[in-house]
Amino acid sequence: MEELFHTRGIHATSVAALIEAAHVSPRTCYVHFPTKNALVEECLRRFESEKSIAAEAELEREDLPPAQRLLATFDPVEGIRRR
């Protein structure tokens, strides 16, 4: 599902596409997630709990003073170029 949301966007990804990707029946999906919003919310909760945001790690650095830690969260992420 994460890949569908990433490639198509949340609004453009249909519930039918999510059901197909998850290999579940529509009934099973709707029993557990009565709305698409409920499904998206759960995906976001799992994403947040499983993956740390690289910029947030900068706040934990002890080698920088507080102001520099905060500014470091705005540095470009390695491997991603700004256009």
C-alpha atoms as a PDB file:
ATOM      1  CA  MET A   1       0.000   0.000   0.000  1.00  0.00           C
ATOM      2  CA  GLU A   2       2.827   2.343   0.818  1.00  0.00           C
ATOM      3  CA  GLU A   3       4.104   1.963  -2.735  1.00  0.00           C
ATOM      4  CA  LEU A   4       0.672   2.700  -4.215  1.00  0.00           C
ATOM      5  CA  PHE A   5       0.286   5.811  -2.109  1.00  0.00           C
ATOM      6  CA  HIS A   6       3.811   6.918  -2.991  1.00  0.00           C
ATOM      7  CA  THR A   7       3.484   6.392  -6.742  1.00  0.00           C
ATOM      8  CA  ARG A   8      -0.149   7.390  -7.274  1.00  0.00           C
ATOM      9  CA  GLY A   9      -0.840   9.627  -4.300  1.00  0.00           C
ATOM     10  CA  ILE A  10      -3.363   9.018  -1.545  1.00  0.00           C
ATOM     11  CA  HIS A  11      -6.291  10.712  -3.277  1.00  0.00           C
ATOM     12  CA  ALA A  12      -5.659   8.998  -6.622  1.00  0.00           C
ATOM     13  CA  THR A  13      -5.354   5.518  -5.122  1.00  0.00           C
ATOM     14  CA  SER A  14      -8.727   3.817  -5.091  1.00  0.00           C
ATOM     15  CA  VAL A  15      -9.959   1.473  -2.401  1.00  0.00           C
ATOM     16  CA  ALA A  16     -10.306  -1.165  -5.138  1.00  0.00           C
ATOM     17  CA  ALA A  17      -6.594  -0.826  -5.930  1.00  0.00           C
ATOM     18  CA  LEU A  18      -5.727  -1.151  -2.240  1.00  0.00           C
ATOM     19  CA  ILE A  19      -7.917  -4.254  -1.888  1.00  0.00           C
ATOM     20  CA  GLU A  20      -6.270  -5.800  -4.930  1.00  0.00           C
ATOM     21  CA  ALA A  21      -2.765  -5.032  -3.658  1.00  0.00           C
ATOM     22  CA  ALA A  22      -3.585  -6.482  -0.229  1.00  0.00           C
ATOM     23  CA  HIS A  23      -5.142  -9.632  -1.729  1.00  0.00           C
ATOM     24  CA  VAL A  24      -8.212  -9.387   0.505  1.00  0.00           C
ATOM     25  CA  SER A  25     -11.912  -9.334  -0.222  1.00  0.00           C
ATOM     26  CA  PRO A  26     -13.798  -6.037  -0.137  1.00  0.00           C
ATOM     27  CA  ARG A  27     -15.776  -7.328   2.842  1.00  0.00           C
ATOM     28  CA  THR A  28     -12.607  -8.097   4.819  1.00  0.00           C
ATOM     29  CA  CYS A  29     -11.231  -4.665   4.050  1.00  0.00           C
ATOM     30  CA  TYR A  30     -14.381  -2.842   5.111  1.00  0.00           C
ATOM     31  CA  VAL A  31     -14.776  -4.917   8.286  1.00  0.00           C
ATOM     32  CA  HIS A  32     -11.372  -3.718   9.465  1.00  0.00           C
ATOM     33  CA  PHE A  33     -11.368  -0.278   7.822  1.00  0.00           C
ATOM     34  CA  PRO A  34     -14.856   1.152   7.304  1.00  0.00           C
ATOM     35  CA  THR A  35     -13.480   4.086   5.289  1.00  0.00           C
ATOM     36  CA  LYS A  36     -10.464   4.856   3.158  1.00  0.00           C
ATOM     37  CA  ASN A  37      -9.498   7.512   5.712  1.00  0.00           C
ATOM     38  CA  ALA A  38      -9.359   4.860   8.443  1.00  0.00           C
ATOM     39  CA  LEU A  39      -7.010   2.795   6.289  1.00  0.00           C
ATOM     40  CA  VAL A  40      -4.799   5.787   5.487  1.00  0.00           C
ATOM     41  CA  GLU A  41      -4.646   6.758   9.170  1.00  0.00           C
ATOM     42  CA  GLU A  42      -3.471   3.260  10.117  1.00  0.00           C
ATOM     43  CA  CYS A  43      -0.860   3.281   7.349  1.00  0.00           C
ATOM     44  CA  LEU A  44       0.451   6.611   8.610  1.00  0.00           C
ATOM     45  CA  ARG A  45       0.556   5.345  12.199  1.00  0.00           C
ATOM     46  CA  ARG A  46       2.595   2.320  11.125  1.00  0.00           C
ATOM     47  CA  PHE A  47       4.866   4.410   8.925  1.00  0.00           C
ATOM     48  CA  GLU A  48       5.551   6.809  11.770  1.00  0.00           C
ATOM     49  CA  SER A  49       6.260   4.044  14.284  1.00  0.00           C
ATOM     50  CA  GLU A  50       8.479   1.993  11.940  1.00  0.00           C
ATOM     51  CA  LYS A  51      10.533   4.648  10.204  1.00  0.00           C
ATOM     52  CA  SER A  52      12.337   7.521  11.780  1.00  0.00           C
ATOM     53  CA  ILE A  53      12.629  10.705   9.809  1.00  0.00           C
ATOM     54  CA  ALA A  54      16.283  11.458   9.113  1.00  0.00           C
ATOM     55  CA  ALA A  55      15.877  15.126   9.984  1.00  0.00           C
ATOM     56  CA  GLU A  56      14.533  14.207  13.436  1.00  0.00           C
ATOM     57  CA  ALA A  57      17.768  12.361  14.202  1.00  0.00           C
ATOM     58  CA  GLU A  58      19.549  15.710  14.019  1.00  0.00           C
ATOM     59  CA  LEU A  59      17.677  16.822  17.127  1.00  0.00           C
ATOM     60  CA  GLU A  60      19.340  14.036  19.122  1.00  0.00           C
ATOM     61  CA  ARG A  61      22.901  14.992  18.203  1.00  0.00           C
ATOM     62  CA  GLU A  62      24.982  15.950  21.208  1.00  0.00           C
ATOM     63  CA  ASP A  63      27.883  17.299  19.157  1.00  0.00           C
ATOM     64  CA  LEU A  64      25.904  20.405  18.156  1.00  0.00           C
ATOM     65  CA  PRO A  65      24.473  23.243  20.232  1.00  0.00           C
ATOM     66  CA  PRO A  66      20.645  23.399  20.329  1.00  0.00           C
ATOM     67  CA  ALA A  67      20.313  26.117  17.685  1.00  0.00           C
ATOM     68  CA  GLN A  68      22.534  24.191  15.254  1.00  0.00           C
ATOM     69  CA  ARG A  69      20.553  20.980  15.873  1.00  0.00           C
ATOM     70  CA  LEU A  70      17.355  22.730  14.925  1.00  0.00           C
ATOM     71  CA  LEU A  71      18.904  24.265  11.798  1.00  0.00           C
ATOM     72  CA  ALA A  72      20.316  20.855  10.808  1.00  0.00           C
ATOM     73  CA  THR A  73      16.780  19.472  10.450  1.00  0.00           C
ATOM     74  CA  PHE A  74      16.413  21.707   7.387  1.00  0.00           C
ATOM     75  CA  ASP A  75      19.574  20.457   5.652  1.00  0.00           C
ATOM     76  CA  PRO A  76      18.906  18.475   2.465  1.00  0.00           C
ATOM     77  CA  VAL A  77      18.723  14.730   3.000  1.00  0.00           C
ATOM     78  CA  GLU A  78      21.717  12.891   1.554  1.00  0.00           C
ATOM     79  CA  GLY A  79      20.876  11.379  -1.812  1.00  0.00           C
ATOM     80  CA  ILE A  80      18.011  13.758  -2.552  1.00  0.00           C
ATOM     81  CA  ARG A  81      18.721  16.731  -4.764  1.00  0.00           C
ATOM     82  CA  ARG A  82      16.605  19.854  -4.789  1.00  0.00           C
ATOM     83  CA  ARG A  83      15.296  20.948  -8.142  1.00  0.00           C
END
